[in-house]
Amino acid sequence: MGYILAVTVFLVLSVIGLGLYYIKRGVAGKNAKKILGINIMSIFGLLIVATAMILANNAYAEGASAQAAGSVNGLGLLAAALSTGLATIGAGIAVAVSSSAALGAISEDSSLLGKTLIFVGLAEGIAIYGLIVSILILGRL
């Protein structure tokens, strides 16, 4: 477990350091997208490895009867976290797109304010749906 923490801290500090270095250097365009892609893949790779190690440790550390209950409980918690996390990421993207379009429409015609707020509110509802699903999952554990 200490190994995962050390690698995580290293990756987070390297992402921050690389970001500051390239901001100071002034890298943009394809190089910046390539570096961002490498950083995202390394973080998700660490997430997958850490999840596999944690599930493997639970499988070996517990007995036969406790193993099944722990695995189901752990996967339920993982499902609740993923439903909330992915829903909020989707809501963030939707709000970013719809609110920027709404601001452009309002700057052209100020009478569209009420209509555009409805679309922004609908985009925010996605996060609430993910939270409701995670509450339902946690209620079943």
N, C-alpha and C. Protein backbone atom coordinates (compact mmCIF):
# COMPACT_ATOMS: atom_id res chain seq x y z
N MET A 1 0.82 -1.19 0.00
CA MET A 1 0.00 0.00 0.00
C MET A 1 0.87 1.26 0.00
N GLY A 2 2.00 1.20 0.69
CA GLY A 2 2.91 2.34 0.71
C GLY A 2 3.49 2.62 -0.66
N TYR A 3 3.68 1.54 -1.44
CA TYR A 3 4.20 1.67 -2.80
C TYR A 3 3.24 2.47 -3.67
N ILE A 4 1.97 2.18 -3.55
CA ILE A 4 0.95 2.90 -4.34
C ILE A 4 0.93 4.37 -3.96
N LEU A 5 1.04 4.66 -2.67
CA LEU A 5 1.04 6.05 -2.22
C LEU A 5 2.26 6.79 -2.76
N ALA A 6 3.42 6.14 -2.72
CA ALA A 6 4.65 6.79 -3.21
C ALA A 6 4.57 7.06 -4.71
N VAL A 7 4.08 6.10 -5.47
CA VAL A 7 3.96 6.30 -6.92
C VAL A 7 2.92 7.37 -7.23
N THR A 8 1.84 7.40 -6.48
CA THR A 8 0.81 8.41 -6.69
C THR A 8 1.35 9.81 -6.43
N VAL A 9 2.06 9.97 -5.32
CA VAL A 9 2.64 11.28 -4.99
C VAL A 9 3.63 11.69 -6.07
N PHE A 10 4.44 10.73 -6.54
CA PHE A 10 5.40 11.03 -7.60
C PHE A 10 4.69 11.48 -8.87
N LEU A 11 3.64 10.77 -9.26
CA LEU A 11 2.93 11.14 -10.49
C LEU A 11 2.25 12.50 -10.38
N VAL A 12 1.65 12.77 -9.24
CA VAL A 12 0.98 14.07 -9.07
C VAL A 12 2.00 15.20 -9.11
N LEU A 13 3.13 15.02 -8.42
CA LEU A 13 4.16 16.06 -8.44
C LEU A 13 4.78 16.21 -9.83
N SER A 14 4.93 15.10 -10.55
CA SER A 14 5.48 15.21 -11.90
C SER A 14 4.51 15.91 -12.85
N VAL A 15 3.22 15.66 -12.69
CA VAL A 15 2.23 16.37 -13.52
C VAL A 15 2.27 17.86 -13.24
N ILE A 16 2.34 18.23 -11.98
CA ILE A 16 2.40 19.65 -11.62
C ILE A 16 3.70 20.26 -12.13
N GLY A 17 4.83 19.55 -11.92
CA GLY A 17 6.12 20.07 -12.37
C GLY A 17 6.21 20.21 -13.87
N LEU A 18 5.72 19.21 -14.59
CA LEU A 18 5.73 19.29 -16.05
C LEU A 18 4.85 20.43 -16.54
N GLY A 19 3.70 20.61 -15.88
CA GLY A 19 2.82 21.71 -16.27
C GLY A 19 3.49 23.06 -16.09
N LEU A 20 4.14 23.26 -14.94
CA LEU A 20 4.82 24.52 -14.69
C LEU A 20 5.98 24.73 -15.65
N TYR A 21 6.72 23.66 -15.93
CA TYR A 21 7.86 23.76 -16.85
C TYR A 21 7.39 24.16 -18.25
N TYR A 22 6.34 23.51 -18.74
CA TYR A 22 5.88 23.83 -20.08
C TYR A 22 5.12 25.14 -20.17
N ILE A 23 4.53 25.58 -19.07
CA ILE A 23 3.92 26.91 -19.07
C ILE A 23 5.02 27.97 -19.17
N LYS A 24 6.09 27.76 -18.40
CA LYS A 24 7.21 28.71 -18.43
C LYS A 24 7.90 28.68 -19.80
N ARG A 25 8.00 27.50 -20.40
CA ARG A 25 8.65 27.34 -21.69
C ARG A 25 7.77 27.82 -22.84
N GLY A 26 6.47 27.77 -22.66
CA GLY A 26 5.54 28.26 -23.67
C GLY A 26 5.19 27.24 -24.73
N VAL A 27 5.02 25.99 -24.35
CA VAL A 27 4.67 24.95 -25.31
C VAL A 27 3.17 24.97 -25.54
N ALA A 28 2.77 24.87 -26.81
CA ALA A 28 1.33 24.88 -27.14
C ALA A 28 1.11 23.96 -28.34
N GLY A 29 -0.14 23.74 -28.66
CA GLY A 29 -0.49 22.97 -29.84
C GLY A 29 -0.41 21.47 -29.64
N LYS A 30 0.15 20.77 -30.62
CA LYS A 30 0.20 19.32 -30.58
C LYS A 30 1.08 18.80 -29.45
N ASN A 31 2.17 19.49 -29.17
CA ASN A 31 3.06 19.05 -28.09
C ASN A 31 2.36 19.10 -26.74
N ALA A 32 1.59 20.15 -26.51
CA ALA A 32 0.87 20.26 -25.24
C ALA A 32 -0.18 19.16 -25.13
N LYS A 33 -0.88 18.85 -26.21
CA LYS A 33 -1.88 17.79 -26.18
C LYS A 33 -1.23 16.43 -25.97
N LYS A 34 -0.07 16.22 -26.55
CA LYS A 34 0.65 14.96 -26.38
C LYS A 34 1.09 14.79 -24.93
N ILE A 35 1.61 15.83 -24.34
CA ILE A 35 2.06 15.77 -22.94
C ILE A 35 0.87 15.56 -22.02
N LEU A 36 -0.23 16.24 -22.28
CA LEU A 36 -1.44 16.05 -21.47
C LEU A 36 -1.96 14.63 -21.59
N GLY A 37 -1.94 14.07 -22.79
CA GLY A 37 -2.37 12.68 -22.99
C GLY A 37 -1.50 11.70 -22.24
N ILE A 38 -0.20 11.92 -22.24
CA ILE A 38 0.71 11.04 -21.50
C ILE A 38 0.43 11.12 -20.01
N ASN A 39 0.20 12.32 -19.51
CA ASN A 39 -0.08 12.47 -18.08
C ASN A 39 -1.40 11.80 -17.70
N ILE A 40 -2.42 11.96 -18.52
CA ILE A 40 -3.72 11.35 -18.22
C ILE A 40 -3.62 9.84 -18.26
N MET A 41 -2.92 9.30 -19.25
CA MET A 41 -2.76 7.84 -19.34
C MET A 41 -1.98 7.29 -18.17
N SER A 42 -0.98 8.02 -17.70
CA SER A 42 -0.21 7.52 -16.55
C SER A 42 -1.05 7.53 -15.28
N ILE A 43 -1.88 8.54 -15.10
CA ILE A 43 -2.74 8.58 -13.91
C ILE A 43 -3.77 7.46 -13.96
N PHE A 44 -4.41 7.24 -15.13
CA PHE A 44 -5.40 6.17 -15.24
C PHE A 44 -4.75 4.80 -15.15
N GLY A 45 -3.54 4.66 -15.67
CA GLY A 45 -2.81 3.40 -15.51
C GLY A 45 -2.52 3.10 -14.05
N LEU A 46 -2.12 4.13 -13.31
CA LEU A 46 -1.89 3.95 -11.88
C LEU A 46 -3.18 3.59 -11.17
N LEU A 47 -4.28 4.20 -11.57
CA LEU A 47 -5.57 3.89 -10.96
C LEU A 47 -5.95 2.43 -11.19
N ILE A 48 -5.73 1.93 -12.39
CA ILE A 48 -6.06 0.53 -12.69
C ILE A 48 -5.17 -0.42 -11.91
N VAL A 49 -3.87 -0.13 -11.85
CA VAL A 49 -2.94 -0.98 -11.10
C VAL A 49 -3.26 -0.96 -9.62
N ALA A 50 -3.55 0.21 -9.08
CA ALA A 50 -3.88 0.31 -7.65
C ALA A 50 -5.15 -0.44 -7.33
N THR A 51 -6.16 -0.34 -8.18
CA THR A 51 -7.41 -1.07 -7.96
C THR A 51 -7.17 -2.57 -7.99
N ALA A 52 -6.38 -3.04 -8.95
CA ALA A 52 -6.08 -4.46 -9.03
C ALA A 52 -5.30 -4.94 -7.81
N MET A 53 -4.37 -4.13 -7.33
CA MET A 53 -3.58 -4.53 -6.15
C MET A 53 -4.44 -4.56 -4.90
N ILE A 54 -5.33 -3.61 -4.77
CA ILE A 54 -6.19 -3.57 -3.59
C ILE A 54 -7.15 -4.75 -3.59
N LEU A 55 -7.73 -5.06 -4.76
CA LEU A 55 -8.63 -6.20 -4.84
C LEU A 55 -7.88 -7.51 -4.62
N ALA A 56 -6.64 -7.61 -5.10
CA ALA A 56 -5.85 -8.82 -4.89
C ALA A 56 -5.48 -8.98 -3.42
N ASN A 57 -5.15 -7.88 -2.74
CA ASN A 57 -4.82 -7.96 -1.31
C ASN A 57 -6.04 -8.38 -0.50
N ASN A 58 -7.22 -7.90 -0.87
CA ASN A 58 -8.43 -8.31 -0.17
C ASN A 58 -8.71 -9.78 -0.37
N ALA A 59 -8.43 -10.29 -1.56
CA ALA A 59 -8.70 -11.69 -1.85
C ALA A 59 -7.78 -12.61 -1.06
N TYR A 60 -6.51 -12.24 -0.87
CA TYR A 60 -5.57 -13.10 -0.16
C TYR A 60 -5.64 -12.92 1.35
N ALA A 61 -6.04 -11.75 1.81
CA ALA A 61 -5.98 -11.46 3.24
C ALA A 61 -7.17 -12.03 4.00
N GLU A 62 -8.31 -12.17 3.36
CA GLU A 62 -9.51 -12.57 4.07
C GLU A 62 -9.80 -14.05 3.86
N GLY A 63 -10.65 -14.59 4.70
CA GLY A 63 -11.05 -15.99 4.57
C GLY A 63 -12.04 -16.18 3.45
N ALA A 64 -12.49 -17.42 3.26
CA ALA A 64 -13.37 -17.74 2.14
C ALA A 64 -14.73 -17.06 2.26
N SER A 65 -15.31 -17.06 3.45
CA SER A 65 -16.63 -16.45 3.58
C SER A 65 -16.55 -14.92 3.61
N ALA A 66 -15.51 -14.40 4.24
CA ALA A 66 -15.37 -12.95 4.30
C ALA A 66 -14.91 -12.40 2.96
N GLN A 67 -14.26 -13.24 2.16
CA GLN A 67 -13.76 -12.79 0.87
C GLN A 67 -14.91 -12.40 -0.05
N ALA A 68 -15.95 -13.20 -0.11
CA ALA A 68 -17.07 -12.89 -0.99
C ALA A 68 -17.78 -11.62 -0.55
N ALA A 69 -17.98 -11.46 0.75
CA ALA A 69 -18.66 -10.26 1.25
C ALA A 69 -17.81 -9.03 1.02
N GLY A 70 -16.49 -9.14 1.23
CA GLY A 70 -15.61 -7.99 1.03
C GLY A 70 -15.51 -7.59 -0.42
N SER A 71 -15.47 -8.57 -1.32
CA SER A 71 -15.37 -8.25 -2.74
C SER A 71 -16.64 -7.57 -3.24
N VAL A 72 -17.78 -8.05 -2.81
CA VAL A 72 -19.04 -7.44 -3.23
C VAL A 72 -19.16 -6.03 -2.66
N ASN A 73 -18.77 -5.87 -1.41
CA ASN A 73 -18.83 -4.56 -0.78
C ASN A 73 -17.86 -3.60 -1.48
N GLY A 74 -16.66 -4.07 -1.78
CA GLY A 74 -15.68 -3.22 -2.44
C GLY A 74 -16.12 -2.83 -3.84
N LEU A 75 -16.68 -3.78 -4.59
CA LEU A 75 -17.14 -3.46 -5.93
C LEU A 75 -18.36 -2.54 -5.89
N GLY A 76 -19.20 -2.67 -4.87
CA GLY A 76 -20.32 -1.75 -4.73
C GLY A 76 -19.86 -0.33 -4.45
N LEU A 77 -18.84 -0.20 -3.61
CA LEU A 77 -18.29 1.13 -3.34
C LEU A 77 -17.64 1.71 -4.58
N LEU A 78 -16.96 0.85 -5.34
CA LEU A 78 -16.35 1.30 -6.58
C LEU A 78 -17.41 1.74 -7.58
N ALA A 79 -18.52 1.01 -7.66
CA ALA A 79 -19.61 1.38 -8.56
C ALA A 79 -20.24 2.71 -8.15
N ALA A 80 -20.41 2.92 -6.85
CA ALA A 80 -20.98 4.18 -6.37
C ALA A 80 -20.05 5.35 -6.69
N ALA A 81 -18.76 5.14 -6.50
CA ALA A 81 -17.79 6.20 -6.79
C ALA A 81 -17.76 6.52 -8.29
N LEU A 82 -17.78 5.48 -9.11
CA LEU A 82 -17.75 5.71 -10.56
C LEU A 82 -19.02 6.39 -11.06
N SER A 83 -20.17 6.02 -10.51
CA SER A 83 -21.41 6.65 -10.97
C SER A 83 -21.43 8.14 -10.63
N THR A 84 -20.97 8.49 -9.45
CA THR A 84 -20.94 9.90 -9.09
C THR A 84 -19.87 10.64 -9.86
N GLY A 85 -18.67 10.06 -9.93
CA GLY A 85 -17.56 10.73 -10.60
C GLY A 85 -17.78 10.95 -12.07
N LEU A 86 -18.21 9.92 -12.77
CA LEU A 86 -18.42 10.06 -14.21
C LEU A 86 -19.60 10.97 -14.53
N ALA A 87 -20.63 10.94 -13.67
CA ALA A 87 -21.77 11.83 -13.89
C ALA A 87 -21.38 13.29 -13.70
N THR A 88 -20.55 13.57 -12.71
CA THR A 88 -20.13 14.96 -12.49
C THR A 88 -19.19 15.44 -13.57
N ILE A 89 -18.34 14.54 -14.09
CA ILE A 89 -17.48 14.94 -15.21
C ILE A 89 -18.34 15.26 -16.44
N GLY A 90 -19.32 14.40 -16.72
CA GLY A 90 -20.22 14.67 -17.84
C GLY A 90 -21.02 15.95 -17.65
N ALA A 91 -21.46 16.19 -16.42
CA ALA A 91 -22.20 17.42 -16.15
C ALA A 91 -21.32 18.65 -16.32
N GLY A 92 -20.07 18.53 -15.91
CA GLY A 92 -19.15 19.65 -16.07
C GLY A 92 -18.92 20.00 -17.53
N ILE A 93 -18.76 18.97 -18.35
CA ILE A 93 -18.58 19.21 -19.78
C ILE A 93 -19.85 19.82 -20.39
N ALA A 94 -21.00 19.28 -19.99
CA ALA A 94 -22.26 19.80 -20.53
C ALA A 94 -22.52 21.24 -20.10
N VAL A 95 -22.22 21.56 -18.86
CA VAL A 95 -22.42 22.94 -18.39
C VAL A 95 -21.45 23.88 -19.09
N ALA A 96 -20.23 23.44 -19.31
CA ALA A 96 -19.26 24.30 -19.99
C ALA A 96 -19.73 24.65 -21.40
N VAL A 97 -20.21 23.67 -22.11
CA VAL A 97 -20.64 23.91 -23.49
C VAL A 97 -21.92 24.74 -23.52
N SER A 98 -22.90 24.33 -22.71
CA SER A 98 -24.19 25.04 -22.78
C SER A 98 -24.11 26.45 -22.20
N SER A 99 -23.32 26.65 -21.17
CA SER A 99 -23.26 28.00 -20.59
C SER A 99 -22.50 28.95 -21.49
N SER A 100 -21.46 28.47 -22.18
CA SER A 100 -20.76 29.37 -23.10
C SER A 100 -21.67 29.74 -24.27
N ALA A 101 -22.46 28.78 -24.76
CA ALA A 101 -23.41 29.10 -25.82
C ALA A 101 -24.50 30.04 -25.31
N ALA A 102 -24.91 29.83 -24.06
CA ALA A 102 -25.94 30.71 -23.48
C ALA A 102 -25.43 32.14 -23.33
N LEU A 103 -24.18 32.29 -22.91
CA LEU A 103 -23.63 33.64 -22.79
C LEU A 103 -23.53 34.33 -24.15
N GLY A 104 -23.18 33.57 -25.17
CA GLY A 104 -23.14 34.15 -26.51
C GLY A 104 -24.52 34.58 -26.98
N ALA A 105 -25.53 33.76 -26.68
CA ALA A 105 -26.89 34.11 -27.10
C ALA A 105 -27.41 35.30 -26.32
N ILE A 106 -27.10 35.37 -25.04
CA ILE A 106 -27.56 36.49 -24.21
C ILE A 106 -26.90 37.79 -24.64
N SER A 107 -25.62 37.70 -25.07
CA SER A 107 -24.96 38.93 -25.52
C SER A 107 -25.58 39.48 -26.80
N GLU A 108 -26.16 38.59 -27.61
CA GLU A 108 -26.84 39.04 -28.83
C GLU A 108 -28.24 39.57 -28.53
N ASP A 109 -28.98 38.83 -27.67
CA ASP A 109 -30.36 39.21 -27.38
C ASP A 109 -30.62 38.91 -25.91
N SER A 110 -30.77 39.94 -25.12
CA SER A 110 -30.90 39.75 -23.66
C SER A 110 -32.25 39.14 -23.26
N SER A 111 -33.20 39.07 -24.15
CA SER A 111 -34.49 38.48 -23.80
C SER A 111 -34.43 36.95 -23.76
N LEU A 112 -33.32 36.34 -24.16
CA LEU A 112 -33.17 34.89 -24.17
C LEU A 112 -32.63 34.33 -22.84
N LEU A 113 -32.51 35.18 -21.84
CA LEU A 113 -31.90 34.74 -20.58
C LEU A 113 -32.65 33.57 -19.95
N GLY A 114 -33.94 33.66 -19.83
CA GLY A 114 -34.72 32.59 -19.20
C GLY A 114 -34.66 31.29 -19.95
N LYS A 115 -34.68 31.35 -21.28
CA LYS A 115 -34.63 30.14 -22.10
C LYS A 115 -33.28 29.45 -22.00
N THR A 116 -32.22 30.23 -21.96
CA THR A 116 -30.89 29.63 -21.91
C THR A 116 -30.57 29.06 -20.54
N LEU A 117 -31.12 29.64 -19.49
CA LEU A 117 -30.89 29.10 -18.14
C LEU A 117 -31.50 27.71 -17.97
N ILE A 118 -32.55 27.44 -18.71
CA ILE A 118 -33.17 26.11 -18.64
C ILE A 118 -32.19 25.05 -19.14
N PHE A 119 -31.49 25.33 -20.23
CA PHE A 119 -30.53 24.36 -20.76
C PHE A 119 -29.35 24.14 -19.83
N VAL A 120 -28.89 25.19 -19.19
CA VAL A 120 -27.80 25.06 -18.22
C VAL A 120 -28.27 24.25 -17.02
N GLY A 121 -29.48 24.48 -16.58
CA GLY A 121 -30.02 23.71 -15.46
C GLY A 121 -30.22 22.24 -15.78
N LEU A 122 -30.62 21.95 -17.01
CA LEU A 122 -30.75 20.55 -17.42
C LEU A 122 -29.40 19.85 -17.44
N ALA A 123 -28.37 20.57 -17.83
CA ALA A 123 -27.03 19.98 -17.84
C ALA A 123 -26.55 19.70 -16.42
N GLU A 124 -26.91 20.55 -15.48
CA GLU A 124 -26.51 20.32 -14.08
C GLU A 124 -27.25 19.13 -13.48
N GLY A 125 -28.41 18.81 -14.02
CA GLY A 125 -29.18 17.68 -13.50
C GLY A 125 -28.49 16.34 -13.69
N ILE A 126 -27.58 16.23 -14.63
CA ILE A 126 -26.86 14.98 -14.86
C ILE A 126 -26.09 14.58 -13.61
N ALA A 127 -25.46 15.53 -12.94
CA ALA A 127 -24.70 15.23 -11.73
C ALA A 127 -25.63 14.75 -10.62
N ILE A 128 -26.81 15.32 -10.55
CA ILE A 128 -27.76 14.91 -9.52
C ILE A 128 -28.22 13.47 -9.76
N TYR A 129 -28.41 13.10 -11.03
CA TYR A 129 -28.79 11.73 -11.34
C TYR A 129 -27.70 10.75 -10.93
N GLY A 130 -26.45 11.09 -11.17
CA GLY A 130 -25.34 10.23 -10.74
C GLY A 130 -25.28 10.09 -9.24
N LEU A 131 -25.55 11.17 -8.52
CA LEU A 131 -25.56 11.12 -7.06
C LEU A 131 -26.70 10.25 -6.55
N ILE A 132 -27.86 10.33 -7.19
CA ILE A 132 -28.99 9.49 -6.79
C ILE A 132 -28.68 8.01 -7.01
N VAL A 133 -28.05 7.70 -8.14
CA VAL A 133 -27.69 6.31 -8.41
C VAL A 133 -26.69 5.81 -7.38
N SER A 134 -25.72 6.62 -7.00
CA SER A 134 -24.75 6.17 -6.00
C SER A 134 -25.40 6.01 -4.63
N ILE A 135 -26.36 6.83 -4.29
CA ILE A 135 -27.08 6.66 -3.03
C ILE A 135 -27.87 5.36 -3.05
N LEU A 136 -28.50 5.05 -4.19
CA LEU A 136 -29.23 3.79 -4.30
C LEU A 136 -28.27 2.59 -4.19
N ILE A 137 -27.11 2.67 -4.78
CA ILE A 137 -26.13 1.60 -4.69
C ILE A 137 -25.66 1.42 -3.25
N LEU A 138 -25.38 2.53 -2.58
CA LEU A 138 -24.90 2.45 -1.19
C LEU A 138 -26.00 1.93 -0.26
N GLY A 139 -27.25 2.20 -0.60
CA GLY A 139 -28.35 1.70 0.22
C GLY A 139 -28.50 0.20 0.13
N ARG A 140 -28.04 -0.39 -0.96
CA ARG A 140 -28.14 -1.85 -1.14
C ARG A 140 -26.99 -2.60 -0.47
N LEU A 141 -25.92 -1.92 -0.07
CA LEU A 141 -24.77 -2.61 0.52
C LEU A 141 -25.06 -3.01 1.92
